[in-house]
PDB file of N, CA and C in Angstrom:
ATOM      1  N   MET A   1     -22.509   7.430  10.109  1.00  0.00           N
ATOM      2  CA  MET A   1     -21.150   7.005   9.775  1.00  0.00           C
ATOM      3  C   MET A   1     -21.097   5.486   9.835  1.00  0.00           C
ATOM      4  N   PRO A   2     -20.493   4.853   8.831  1.00  0.00           N
ATOM      5  CA  PRO A   2     -20.411   3.395   8.830  1.00  0.00           C
ATOM      6  C   PRO A   2     -19.475   2.902   9.922  1.00  0.00           C
ATOM      7  N   THR A   3     -19.629   1.646  10.248  1.00  0.00           N
ATOM      8  CA  THR A   3     -18.711   1.029  11.198  1.00  0.00           C
ATOM      9  C   THR A   3     -17.316   1.061  10.601  1.00  0.00           C
ATOM     10  N   THR A   4     -16.367   1.556  11.364  1.00  0.00           N
ATOM     11  CA  THR A   4     -15.009   1.638  10.842  1.00  0.00           C
ATOM     12  C   THR A   4     -14.261   0.350  11.149  1.00  0.00           C
ATOM     13  N   PRO A   5     -13.486  -0.109  10.184  1.00  0.00           N
ATOM     14  CA  PRO A   5     -12.675  -1.288  10.437  1.00  0.00           C
ATOM     15  C   PRO A   5     -11.578  -0.948  11.444  1.00  0.00           C
ATOM     16  N   ASP A   6     -10.867  -1.934  11.880  1.00  0.00           N
ATOM     17  CA  ASP A   6      -9.771  -1.703  12.813  1.00  0.00           C
ATOM     18  C   ASP A   6      -8.592  -1.118  12.035  1.00  0.00           C
ATOM     19  N   LEU A   7      -8.704   0.169  11.747  1.00  0.00           N
ATOM     20  CA  LEU A   7      -7.672   0.826  10.945  1.00  0.00           C
ATOM     21  C   LEU A   7      -6.314   0.821  11.634  1.00  0.00           C
ATOM     22  N   ALA A   8      -6.309   0.875  12.959  1.00  0.00           N
ATOM     23  CA  ALA A   8      -5.027   0.857  13.681  1.00  0.00           C
ATOM     24  C   ALA A   8      -4.273  -0.438  13.402  1.00  0.00           C
ATOM     25  N   SER A   9      -4.976  -1.564  13.415  1.00  0.00           N
ATOM     26  CA  SER A   9      -4.329  -2.848  13.130  1.00  0.00           C
ATOM     27  C   SER A   9      -3.902  -2.945  11.676  1.00  0.00           C
ATOM     28  N   LEU A  10      -4.760  -2.465  10.779  1.00  0.00           N
ATOM     29  CA  LEU A  10      -4.409  -2.486   9.355  1.00  0.00           C
ATOM     30  C   LEU A  10      -3.205  -1.599   9.075  1.00  0.00           C
ATOM     31  N   LEU A  11      -3.163  -0.445   9.717  1.00  0.00           N
ATOM     32  CA  LEU A  11      -2.032   0.464   9.557  1.00  0.00           C
ATOM     33  C   LEU A  11      -0.755  -0.151  10.116  1.00  0.00           C
ATOM     34  N   ALA A  12      -0.839  -0.762  11.281  1.00  0.00           N
ATOM     35  CA  ALA A  12       0.341  -1.402  11.879  1.00  0.00           C
ATOM     36  C   ALA A  12       0.866  -2.518  10.979  1.00  0.00           C
ATOM     37  N   ALA A  13      -0.031  -3.310  10.417  1.00  0.00           N
ATOM     38  CA  ALA A  13       0.382  -4.398   9.524  1.00  0.00           C
ATOM     39  C   ALA A  13       1.019  -3.844   8.249  1.00  0.00           C
ATOM     40  N   ALA A  14       0.446  -2.768   7.713  1.00  0.00           N
ATOM     41  CA  ALA A  14       1.009  -2.152   6.508  1.00  0.00           C
ATOM     42  C   ALA A  14       2.396  -1.571   6.794  1.00  0.00           C
ATOM     43  N   ARG A  15       2.544  -0.939   7.943  1.00  0.00           N
ATOM     44  CA  ARG A  15       3.858  -0.396   8.315  1.00  0.00           C
ATOM     45  C   ARG A  15       4.890  -1.509   8.450  1.00  0.00           C
ATOM     46  N   GLN A  16       4.489  -2.625   9.050  1.00  0.00           N
ATOM     47  CA  GLN A  16       5.420  -3.744   9.213  1.00  0.00           C
ATOM     48  C   GLN A  16       5.830  -4.318   7.859  1.00  0.00           C
ATOM     49  N   ARG A  17       4.852  -4.428   6.921  1.00  0.00           N
ATOM     50  CA  ARG A  17       5.178  -4.905   5.571  1.00  0.00           C
ATOM     51  C   ARG A  17       6.183  -3.977   4.907  1.00  0.00           C
ATOM     52  N   ALA A  18       5.973  -2.669   5.063  1.00  0.00           N
ATOM     53  CA  ALA A  18       6.884  -1.702   4.457  1.00  0.00           C
ATOM     54  C   ALA A  18       8.284  -1.825   5.060  1.00  0.00           C
ATOM     55  N   VAL A  19       8.364  -1.976   6.372  1.00  0.00           N
ATOM     56  CA  VAL A  19       9.670  -2.148   7.025  1.00  0.00           C
ATOM     57  C   VAL A  19      10.345  -3.422   6.530  1.00  0.00           C
ATOM     58  N   ASP A  20       9.597  -4.522   6.515  1.00  0.00           N
ATOM     59  CA  ASP A  20      10.163  -5.803   6.086  1.00  0.00           C
ATOM     60  C   ASP A  20      10.659  -5.744   4.645  1.00  0.00           C
ATOM     61  N   LEU A  21       9.864  -5.150   3.770  1.00  0.00           N
ATOM     62  CA  LEU A  21      10.267  -5.048   2.369  1.00  0.00           C
ATOM     63  C   LEU A  21      11.440  -4.093   2.195  1.00  0.00           C
ATOM     64  N   GLY A  22      11.471  -3.017   2.979  1.00  0.00           N
ATOM     65  CA  GLY A  22      12.610  -2.108   2.928  1.00  0.00           C
ATOM     66  C   GLY A  22      13.898  -2.807   3.336  1.00  0.00           C
ATOM     67  N   LEU A  23      13.811  -3.632   4.365  1.00  0.00           N
ATOM     68  CA  LEU A  23      14.985  -4.400   4.794  1.00  0.00           C
ATOM     69  C   LEU A  23      15.388  -5.431   3.749  1.00  0.00           C
ATOM     70  N   GLU A  24      14.398  -6.079   3.150  1.00  0.00           N
ATOM     71  CA  GLU A  24      14.692  -7.065   2.102  1.00  0.00           C
ATOM     72  C   GLU A  24      15.373  -6.391   0.911  1.00  0.00           C
ATOM     73  N   LEU A  25      14.875  -5.229   0.527  1.00  0.00           N
ATOM     74  CA  LEU A  25      15.474  -4.496  -0.586  1.00  0.00           C
ATOM     75  C   LEU A  25      16.893  -4.069  -0.253  1.00  0.00           C
ATOM     76  N   ARG A  26      17.091  -3.561   0.955  1.00  0.00           N
ATOM     77  CA  ARG A  26      18.441  -3.174   1.383  1.00  0.00           C
ATOM     78  C   ARG A  26      19.387  -4.367   1.353  1.00  0.00           C
ATOM     79  N   ASP A  27      18.923  -5.497   1.911  1.00  0.00           N
ATOM     80  CA  ASP A  27      19.763  -6.696   1.932  1.00  0.00           C
ATOM     81  C   ASP A  27      20.067  -7.201   0.533  1.00  0.00           C
ATOM     82  N   LEU A  28      19.094  -7.135  -0.348  1.00  0.00           N
ATOM     83  CA  LEU A  28      19.298  -7.578  -1.725  1.00  0.00           C
ATOM     84  C   LEU A  28      20.319  -6.698  -2.428  1.00  0.00           C
ATOM     85  N   LYS A  29      20.210  -5.392  -2.221  1.00  0.00           N
ATOM     86  CA  LYS A  29      21.176  -4.473  -2.825  1.00  0.00           C
ATOM     87  C   LYS A  29      22.570  -4.697  -2.263  1.00  0.00           C
ATOM     88  N   THR A  30      22.652  -4.910  -0.959  1.00  0.00           N
ATOM     89  CA  THR A  30      23.947  -5.142  -0.322  1.00  0.00           C
ATOM     90  C   THR A  30      24.573  -6.445  -0.797  1.00  0.00           C
ATOM     91  N   ALA A  31      23.781  -7.490  -0.861  1.00  0.00           N
ATOM     92  CA  ALA A  31      24.293  -8.816  -1.246  1.00  0.00           C
ATOM     93  C   ALA A  31      24.758  -8.859  -2.691  1.00  0.00           C
ATOM     94  N   THR A  32      24.177  -8.025  -3.524  1.00  0.00           N
ATOM     95  CA  THR A  32      24.528  -8.086  -4.945  1.00  0.00           C
ATOM     96  C   THR A  32      25.419  -6.940  -5.383  1.00  0.00           C
ATOM     97  N   ALA A  33      25.801  -6.062  -4.464  1.00  0.00           N
ATOM     98  CA  ALA A  33      26.596  -4.888  -4.825  1.00  0.00           C
ATOM     99  C   ALA A  33      27.976  -5.254  -5.352  1.00  0.00           C
ATOM    100  N   ASP A  34      28.579  -6.291  -4.835  1.00  0.00           N
ATOM    101  CA  ASP A  34      29.935  -6.645  -5.227  1.00  0.00           C
ATOM    102  C   ASP A  34      29.997  -7.689  -6.332  1.00  0.00           C
ATOM    103  N   GLY A  35      28.850  -8.216  -6.702  1.00  0.00           N
ATOM    104  CA  GLY A  35      28.839  -9.262  -7.723  1.00  0.00           C
ATOM    105  C   GLY A  35      29.266  -8.747  -9.084  1.00  0.00           C
ATOM    106  N   PRO A  36      30.095  -9.506  -9.786  1.00  0.00           N
ATOM    107  CA  PRO A  36      30.563  -9.053 -11.092  1.00  0.00           C
ATOM    108  C   PRO A  36      29.490  -9.136 -12.178  1.00  0.00           C
ATOM    109  N   ASP A  37      28.506 -10.000 -12.007  1.00  0.00           N
ATOM    110  CA  ASP A  37      27.485 -10.197 -13.027  1.00  0.00           C
ATOM    111  C   ASP A  37      26.124  -9.843 -12.456  1.00  0.00           C
ATOM    112  N   ASP A  38      25.671  -8.651 -12.775  1.00  0.00           N
ATOM    113  CA  ASP A  38      24.379  -8.215 -12.270  1.00  0.00           C
ATOM    114  C   ASP A  38      23.247  -8.641 -13.199  1.00  0.00           C
ATOM    115  N   GLU A  39      23.572  -9.325 -14.256  1.00  0.00           N
ATOM    116  CA  GLU A  39      22.566  -9.706 -15.237  1.00  0.00           C
ATOM    117  C   GLU A  39      21.847 -11.001 -14.915  1.00  0.00           C
ATOM    118  N   HIS A  40      22.546 -11.977 -14.387  1.00  0.00           N
ATOM    119  CA  HIS A  40      21.912 -13.276 -14.232  1.00  0.00           C
ATOM    120  C   HIS A  40      22.197 -13.898 -12.877  1.00  0.00           C
ATOM    121  N   ASP A  41      21.161 -14.446 -12.338  1.00  0.00           N
ATOM    122  CA  ASP A  41      21.253 -15.215 -11.104  1.00  0.00           C
ATOM    123  C   ASP A  41      21.287 -16.670 -11.530  1.00  0.00           C
ATOM    124  N   PRO A  42      22.167 -17.485 -10.965  1.00  0.00           N
ATOM    125  CA  PRO A  42      22.218 -18.893 -11.364  1.00  0.00           C
ATOM    126  C   PRO A  42      20.899 -19.628 -11.129  1.00  0.00           C
ATOM    127  N   GLU A  43      20.035 -19.065 -10.277  1.00  0.00           N
ATOM    128  CA  GLU A  43      18.747 -19.699 -10.004  1.00  0.00           C
ATOM    129  C   GLU A  43      17.734 -19.435 -11.108  1.00  0.00           C
ATOM    130  N   GLY A  44      18.004 -18.495 -11.994  1.00  0.00           N
ATOM    131  CA  GLY A  44      17.088 -18.269 -13.103  1.00  0.00           C
ATOM    132  C   GLY A  44      16.674 -16.822 -13.295  1.00  0.00           C
ATOM    133  N   ALA A  45      16.178 -16.169 -12.269  1.00  0.00           N
ATOM    134  CA  ALA A  45      15.712 -14.790 -12.416  1.00  0.00           C
ATOM    135  C   ALA A  45      16.900 -13.839 -12.416  1.00  0.00           C
ATOM    136  N   THR A  46      16.795 -12.759 -13.171  1.00  0.00           N
ATOM    137  CA  THR A  46      17.886 -11.785 -13.142  1.00  0.00           C
ATOM    138  C   THR A  46      17.844 -11.040 -11.816  1.00  0.00           C
ATOM    139  N   ILE A  47      19.000 -10.633 -11.373  1.00  0.00           N
ATOM    140  CA  ILE A  47      19.101  -9.898 -10.119  1.00  0.00           C
ATOM    141  C   ILE A  47      18.379  -8.563 -10.252  1.00  0.00           C
ATOM    142  N   GLY A  48      18.504  -7.938 -11.411  1.00  0.00           N
ATOM    143  CA  GLY A  48      17.795  -6.682 -11.649  1.00  0.00           C
ATOM    144  C   GLY A  48      16.295  -6.843 -11.537  1.00  0.00           C
ATOM    145  N   PHE A  49      15.786  -7.948 -12.072  1.00  0.00           N
ATOM    146  CA  PHE A  49      14.352  -8.211 -11.976  1.00  0.00           C
ATOM    147  C   PHE A  49      13.940  -8.372 -10.525  1.00  0.00           C
ATOM    148  N   GLU A  50      14.721  -9.107  -9.756  1.00  0.00           N
ATOM    149  CA  GLU A  50      14.385  -9.333  -8.346  1.00  0.00           C
ATOM    150  C   GLU A  50      14.395  -8.023  -7.570  1.00  0.00           C
ATOM    151  N   ARG A  51      15.384  -7.184  -7.823  1.00  0.00           N
ATOM    152  CA  ARG A  51      15.426  -5.877  -7.164  1.00  0.00           C
ATOM    153  C   ARG A  51      14.212  -5.032  -7.548  1.00  0.00           C
ATOM    154  N   ALA A  52      13.861  -5.054  -8.822  1.00  0.00           N
ATOM    155  CA  ALA A  52      12.700  -4.282  -9.281  1.00  0.00           C
ATOM    156  C   ALA A  52      11.409  -4.816  -8.664  1.00  0.00           C
ATOM    157  N   ARG A  53      11.313  -6.131  -8.541  1.00  0.00           N
ATOM    158  CA  ARG A  53      10.118  -6.744  -7.955  1.00  0.00           C
ATOM    159  C   ARG A  53       9.956  -6.304  -6.501  1.00  0.00           C
ATOM    160  N   VAL A  54      11.029  -6.408  -5.733  1.00  0.00           N
ATOM    161  CA  VAL A  54      10.969  -6.030  -4.313  1.00  0.00           C
ATOM    162  C   VAL A  54      10.774  -4.526  -4.174  1.00  0.00           C
ATOM    163  N   ALA A  55      11.411  -3.736  -5.036  1.00  0.00           N
ATOM    164  CA  ALA A  55      11.235  -2.283  -4.980  1.00  0.00           C
ATOM    165  C   ALA A  55       9.782  -1.913  -5.267  1.00  0.00           C
ATOM    166  N   GLY A  56       9.158  -2.574  -6.221  1.00  0.00           N
ATOM    167  CA  GLY A  56       7.749  -2.317  -6.517  1.00  0.00           C
ATOM    168  C   GLY A  56       6.847  -2.679  -5.352  1.00  0.00           C
ATOM    169  N   MET A  57       7.121  -3.809  -4.732  1.00  0.00           N
ATOM    170  CA  MET A  57       6.334  -4.221  -3.571  1.00  0.00           C
ATOM    171  C   MET A  57       6.524  -3.233  -2.421  1.00  0.00           C
ATOM    172  N   PHE A  58       7.738  -2.741  -2.250  1.00  0.00           N
ATOM    173  CA  PHE A  58       8.025  -1.752  -1.208  1.00  0.00           C
ATOM    174  C   PHE A  58       7.254  -0.456  -1.470  1.00  0.00           C
ATOM    175  N   GLU A  59       7.254   0.007  -2.719  1.00  0.00           N
ATOM    176  CA  GLU A  59       6.522   1.224  -3.067  1.00  0.00           C
ATOM    177  C   GLU A  59       5.026   1.059  -2.804  1.00  0.00           C
ATOM    178  N   ARG A  60       4.468  -0.094  -3.162  1.00  0.00           N
ATOM    179  CA  ARG A  60       3.046  -0.343  -2.914  1.00  0.00           C
ATOM    180  C   ARG A  60       2.752  -0.388  -1.414  1.00  0.00           C
ATOM    181  N   ALA A  61       3.661  -0.981  -0.638  1.00  0.00           N
ATOM    182  CA  ALA A  61       3.471  -1.034   0.820  1.00  0.00           C
ATOM    183  C   ALA A  61       3.504   0.369   1.413  1.00  0.00           C
ATOM    184  N   CYS A  62       4.399   1.215   0.926  1.00  0.00           N
ATOM    185  CA  CYS A  62       4.460   2.594   1.414  1.00  0.00           C
ATOM    186  C   CYS A  62       3.190   3.361   1.042  1.00  0.00           C
ATOM    187  N   ALA A  63       2.672   3.127  -0.146  1.00  0.00           N
ATOM    188  CA  ALA A  63       1.415   3.771  -0.561  1.00  0.00           C
ATOM    189  C   ALA A  63       0.260   3.298   0.315  1.00  0.00           C
ATOM    190  N   GLU A  64       0.282   2.016   0.672  1.00  0.00           N
ATOM    191  CA  GLU A  64      -0.763   1.478   1.543  1.00  0.00           C
ATOM    192  C   GLU A  64      -0.698   2.128   2.928  1.00  0.00           C
ATOM    193  N   VAL A  65       0.506   2.314   3.442  1.00  0.00           N
ATOM    194  CA  VAL A  65       0.672   3.002   4.730  1.00  0.00           C
ATOM    195  C   VAL A  65       0.070   4.399   4.646  1.00  0.00           C
ATOM    196  N   SER A  66       0.392   5.124   3.589  1.00  0.00           N
ATOM    197  CA  SER A  66      -0.140   6.478   3.423  1.00  0.00           C
ATOM    198  C   SER A  66      -1.663   6.473   3.352  1.00  0.00           C
ATOM    199  N   ALA A  67      -2.224   5.496   2.641  1.00  0.00           N
ATOM    200  CA  ALA A  67      -3.683   5.408   2.513  1.00  0.00           C
ATOM    201  C   ALA A  67      -4.335   5.129   3.860  1.00  0.00           C
ATOM    202  N   PHE A  68      -3.759   4.231   4.655  1.00  0.00           N
ATOM    203  CA  PHE A  68      -4.327   3.946   5.970  1.00  0.00           C
ATOM    204  C   PHE A  68      -4.143   5.120   6.930  1.00  0.00           C
ATOM    205  N   GLU A  69      -3.041   5.844   6.815  1.00  0.00           N
ATOM    206  CA  GLU A  69      -2.857   7.040   7.642  1.00  0.00           C
ATOM    207  C   GLU A  69      -3.919   8.083   7.295  1.00  0.00           C
ATOM    208  N   ALA A  70      -4.187   8.252   6.004  1.00  0.00           N
ATOM    209  CA  ALA A  70      -5.214   9.208   5.577  1.00  0.00           C
ATOM    210  C   ALA A  70      -6.599   8.769   6.057  1.00  0.00           C
ATOM    211  N   ALA A  71      -6.882   7.471   5.989  1.00  0.00           N
ATOM    212  CA  ALA A  71      -8.171   6.962   6.466  1.00  0.00           C
ATOM    213  C   ALA A  71      -8.325   7.208   7.960  1.00  0.00           C
ATOM    214  N   THR A  72      -7.250   7.032   8.703  1.00  0.00           N
ATOM    215  CA  THR A  72      -7.274   7.280  10.145  1.00  0.00           C
ATOM    216  C   THR A  72      -7.568   8.753  10.429  1.00  0.00           C
ATOM    217  N   ARG A  73      -6.979   9.653   9.643  1.00  0.00           N
ATOM    218  CA  ARG A  73      -7.273  11.085   9.805  1.00  0.00           C
ATOM    219  C   ARG A  73      -8.745  11.377   9.489  1.00  0.00           C
ATOM    220  N   ARG A  74      -9.293  10.703   8.454  1.00  0.00           N
ATOM    221  CA  ARG A  74     -10.700  10.913   8.116  1.00  0.00           C
ATOM    222  C   ARG A  74     -11.617  10.436   9.245  1.00  0.00           C
ATOM    223  N   VAL A  75     -11.236   9.348   9.917  1.00  0.00           N
ATOM    224  CA  VAL A  75     -12.033   8.897  11.069  1.00  0.00           C
ATOM    225  C   VAL A  75     -12.012   9.975  12.143  1.00  0.00           C
ATOM    226  N   ARG A  76     -10.832  10.505  12.430  1.00  0.00           N
ATOM    227  CA  ARG A  76     -10.693  11.526  13.482  1.00  0.00           C
ATOM    228  C   ARG A  76     -11.489  12.789  13.159  1.00  0.00           C
ATOM    229  N   ASN A  77     -11.514  13.180  11.881  1.00  0.00           N
ATOM    230  CA  ASN A  77     -12.223  14.426  11.563  1.00  0.00           C
ATOM    231  C   ASN A  77     -13.661  14.202  11.111  1.00  0.00           C
ATOM    232  N   GLY A  78     -14.128  12.950  11.183  1.00  0.00           N
ATOM    233  CA  GLY A  78     -15.530  12.663  10.921  1.00  0.00           C
ATOM    234  C   GLY A  78     -15.926  12.544   9.463  1.00  0.00           C
ATOM    235  N   THR A  79     -14.948  12.422   8.573  1.00  0.00           N
ATOM    236  CA  THR A  79     -15.279  12.318   7.146  1.00  0.00           C
ATOM    237  C   THR A  79     -15.098  10.913   6.588  1.00  0.00           C
ATOM    238  N   TYR A  80     -14.721   9.969   7.440  1.00  0.00           N
ATOM    239  CA  TYR A  80     -14.553   8.595   6.961  1.00  0.00           C
ATOM    240  C   TYR A  80     -15.903   8.074   6.475  1.00  0.00           C
ATOM    241  N   GLY A  81     -15.896   7.438   5.321  1.00  0.00           N
ATOM    242  CA  GLY A  81     -17.121   6.882   4.759  1.00  0.00           C
ATOM    243  C   GLY A  81     -17.871   7.848   3.870  1.00  0.00           C
ATOM    244  N   HIS A  82     -17.341   9.054   3.715  1.00  0.00           N
ATOM    245  CA  HIS A  82     -17.931  10.032   2.797  1.00  0.00           C
ATOM    246  C   HIS A  82     -16.980  10.205   1.625  1.00  0.00           C
ATOM    247  N   CYS A  83     -17.524  10.185   0.420  1.00  0.00           N
ATOM    248  CA  CYS A  83     -16.726  10.276  -0.793  1.00  0.00           C
ATOM    249  C   CYS A  83     -16.049  11.637  -0.893  1.00  0.00           C
ATOM    250  N   ALA A  84     -14.757  11.622  -1.159  1.00  0.00           N
ATOM    251  CA  ALA A  84     -14.004  12.866  -1.341  1.00  0.00           C
ATOM    252  C   ALA A  84     -14.353  13.538  -2.660  1.00  0.00           C
ATOM    253  N   GLY A  85     -14.950  12.781  -3.573  1.00  0.00           N
ATOM    254  CA  GLY A  85     -15.313  13.346  -4.867  1.00  0.00           C
ATOM    255  C   GLY A  85     -16.667  14.014  -4.867  1.00  0.00           C
ATOM    256  N   CYS A  86     -17.686  13.301  -4.414  1.00  0.00           N
ATOM    257  CA  CYS A  86     -19.062  13.809  -4.505  1.00  0.00           C
ATOM    258  C   CYS A  86     -19.701  14.092  -3.147  1.00  0.00           C
ATOM    259  N   GLY A  87     -19.079  13.648  -2.075  1.00  0.00           N
ATOM    260  CA  GLY A  87     -19.602  13.899  -0.736  1.00  0.00           C
ATOM    261  C   GLY A  87     -20.652  12.912  -0.260  1.00  0.00           C
ATOM    262  N   GLN A  88     -21.090  12.019  -1.141  1.00  0.00           N
ATOM    263  CA  GLN A  88     -22.083  11.019  -0.752  1.00  0.00           C
ATOM    264  C   GLN A  88     -21.431   9.933   0.105  1.00  0.00           C
ATOM    265  N   SER A  89     -22.247   9.109   0.730  1.00  0.00           N
ATOM    266  CA  SER A  89     -21.730   7.998   1.530  1.00  0.00           C
ATOM    267  C   SER A  89     -21.112   6.941   0.625  1.00  0.00           C
ATOM    268  N   VAL A  90     -19.987   6.418   1.069  1.00  0.00           N
ATOM    269  CA  VAL A  90     -19.361   5.296   0.376  1.00  0.00           C
ATOM    270  C   VAL A  90     -20.060   4.040   0.877  1.00  0.00           C
ATOM    271  N   PRO A  91     -20.510   3.166  -0.019  1.00  0.00           N
ATOM    272  CA  PRO A  91     -21.209   1.958   0.428  1.00  0.00           C
ATOM    273  C   PRO A  91     -20.364   1.127   1.400  1.00  0.00           C
ATOM    274  N   VAL A  92     -21.033   0.590   2.397  1.00  0.00           N
ATOM    275  CA  VAL A  92     -20.370  -0.207   3.429  1.00  0.00           C
ATOM    276  C   VAL A  92     -19.586  -1.359   2.798  1.00  0.00           C
ATOM    277  N   GLU A  93     -20.143  -1.978   1.784  1.00  0.00           N
ATOM    278  CA  GLU A  93     -19.469  -3.112   1.134  1.00  0.00           C
ATOM    279  C   GLU A  93     -18.128  -2.674   0.525  1.00  0.00           C
ATOM    280  N   ARG A  94     -18.099  -1.472  -0.017  1.00  0.00           N
ATOM    281  CA  ARG A  94     -16.841  -0.962  -0.581  1.00  0.00           C
ATOM    282  C   ARG A  94     -15.832  -0.709   0.531  1.00  0.00           C
ATOM    283  N   LEU A  95     -16.289  -0.133   1.632  1.00  0.00           N
ATOM    284  CA  LEU A  95     -15.384   0.119   2.755  1.00  0.00           C
ATOM    285  C   LEU A  95     -14.878  -1.184   3.368  1.00  0.00           C
ATOM    286  N   GLU A  96     -15.713  -2.215   3.358  1.00  0.00           N
ATOM    287  CA  GLU A  96     -15.261  -3.511   3.868  1.00  0.00           C
ATOM    288  C   GLU A  96     -14.180  -4.091   2.965  1.00  0.00           C
ATOM    289  N   ALA A  97     -14.338  -3.915   1.657  1.00  0.00           N
ATOM    290  CA  ALA A  97     -13.360  -4.449   0.709  1.00  0.00           C
ATOM    291  C   ALA A  97     -12.101  -3.586   0.642  1.00  0.00           C
ATOM    292  N   LEU A  98     -12.283  -2.275   0.729  1.00  0.00           N
ATOM    293  CA  LEU A  98     -11.174  -1.320   0.621  1.00  0.00           C
ATOM    294  C   LEU A  98     -11.278  -0.314   1.766  1.00  0.00           C
ATOM    295  N   PRO A  99     -10.853  -0.706   2.959  1.00  0.00           N
ATOM    296  CA  PRO A  99     -11.072   0.145   4.139  1.00  0.00           C
ATOM    297  C   PRO A  99     -10.428   1.525   4.060  1.00  0.00           C
ATOM    298  N   ALA A 100      -9.416   1.701   3.236  1.00  0.00           N
ATOM    299  CA  ALA A 100      -8.744   2.996   3.159  1.00  0.00           C
ATOM    300  C   ALA A 100      -9.298   3.882   2.045  1.00  0.00           C
ATOM    301  N   THR A 101     -10.288   3.404   1.306  1.00  0.00           N
ATOM    302  CA  THR A 101     -10.787   4.186   0.178  1.00  0.00           C
ATOM    303  C   THR A 101     -11.430   5.486   0.632  1.00  0.00           C
ATOM    304  N   ASP A 102     -11.317   6.491  -0.216  1.00  0.00           N
ATOM    305  CA  ASP A 102     -11.970   7.769   0.077  1.00  0.00           C
ATOM    306  C   ASP A 102     -12.937   8.152  -1.033  1.00  0.00           C
ATOM    307  N   ARG A 103     -13.272   7.186  -1.890  1.00  0.00           N
ATOM    308  CA  ARG A 103     -14.150   7.466  -3.019  1.00  0.00           C
ATOM    309  C   ARG A 103     -15.206   6.388  -3.187  1.00  0.00           C
ATOM    310  N   CYS A 104     -16.374   6.818  -3.642  1.00  0.00           N
ATOM    311  CA  CYS A 104     -17.401   5.853  -4.021  1.00  0.00           C
ATOM    312  C   CYS A 104     -16.984   5.235  -5.363  1.00  0.00           C
ATOM    313  N   VAL A 105     -17.685   4.217  -5.793  1.00  0.00           N
ATOM    314  CA  VAL A 105     -17.322   3.539  -7.039  1.00  0.00           C
ATOM    315  C   VAL A 105     -17.366   4.486  -8.217  1.00  0.00           C
ATOM    316  N   ALA A 106     -18.420   5.279  -8.327  1.00  0.00           N
ATOM    317  CA  ALA A 106     -18.560   6.178  -9.472  1.00  0.00           C
ATOM    318  C   ALA A 106     -17.403   7.183  -9.541  1.00  0.00           C
ATOM    319  N   CYS A 107     -17.063   7.787  -8.419  1.00  0.00           N
ATOM    320  CA  CYS A 107     -15.971   8.769  -8.407  1.00  0.00           C
ATOM    321  C   CYS A 107     -14.610   8.108  -8.628  1.00  0.00           C
ATOM    322  N   ALA A 108     -14.427   6.913  -8.075  1.00  0.00           N
ATOM    323  CA  ALA A 108     -13.172   6.187  -8.291  1.00  0.00           C
ATOM    324  C   ALA A 108     -13.028   5.838  -9.760  1.00  0.00           C
ATOM    325  N   TYR A 109     -14.117   5.438 -10.384  1.00  0.00           N
ATOM    326  CA  TYR A 109     -14.101   5.077 -11.803  1.00  0.00           C
ATOM    327  C   TYR A 109     -13.811   6.313 -12.663  1.00  0.00           C
ATOM    328  N   SER A 110     -14.414   7.435 -12.341  1.00  0.00           N
ATOM    329  CA  SER A 110     -14.215   8.646 -13.147  1.00  0.00           C
ATOM    330  C   SER A 110     -12.834   9.239 -12.918  1.00  0.00           C
ATOM    331  N   ALA A 111     -12.186   8.939 -11.800  1.00  0.00           N
ATOM    332  CA  ALA A 111     -10.845   9.445 -11.525  1.00  0.00           C
ATOM    333  C   ALA A 111      -9.786   8.721 -12.343  1.00  0.00           C
ATOM    334  N   ASP A 112     -10.094   7.504 -12.785  1.00  0.00           N
ATOM    335  CA  ASP A 112      -9.115   6.736 -13.578  1.00  0.00           C
ATOM    336  C   ASP A 112      -9.090   7.224 -14.964  1.00  0.00           C
TER     337      ASP A 112
END
């Protein structure tokens, strides 16, 4: 089994990002709920665009949390570092770059 990264720290950081972005999205929605013009912000970007941007970042943060939670479960059950597609070992370099991955490069490529 490859050396596992500090998944607990990565998971905690991902959870904090998700919380922070969720609060930012809530605050943005609250601050703009009463505005008569939801189309344009005097600063340049549309309010709708800003909400969509933060909502997208929030969704990605939540997906990252789920991925790190799944990686943590794989460590506990002894399958971390083994490809979910073919069962072979995931290269250490890939795990270093993408600690939550559950696929080798070939299987990840064929899944797309």
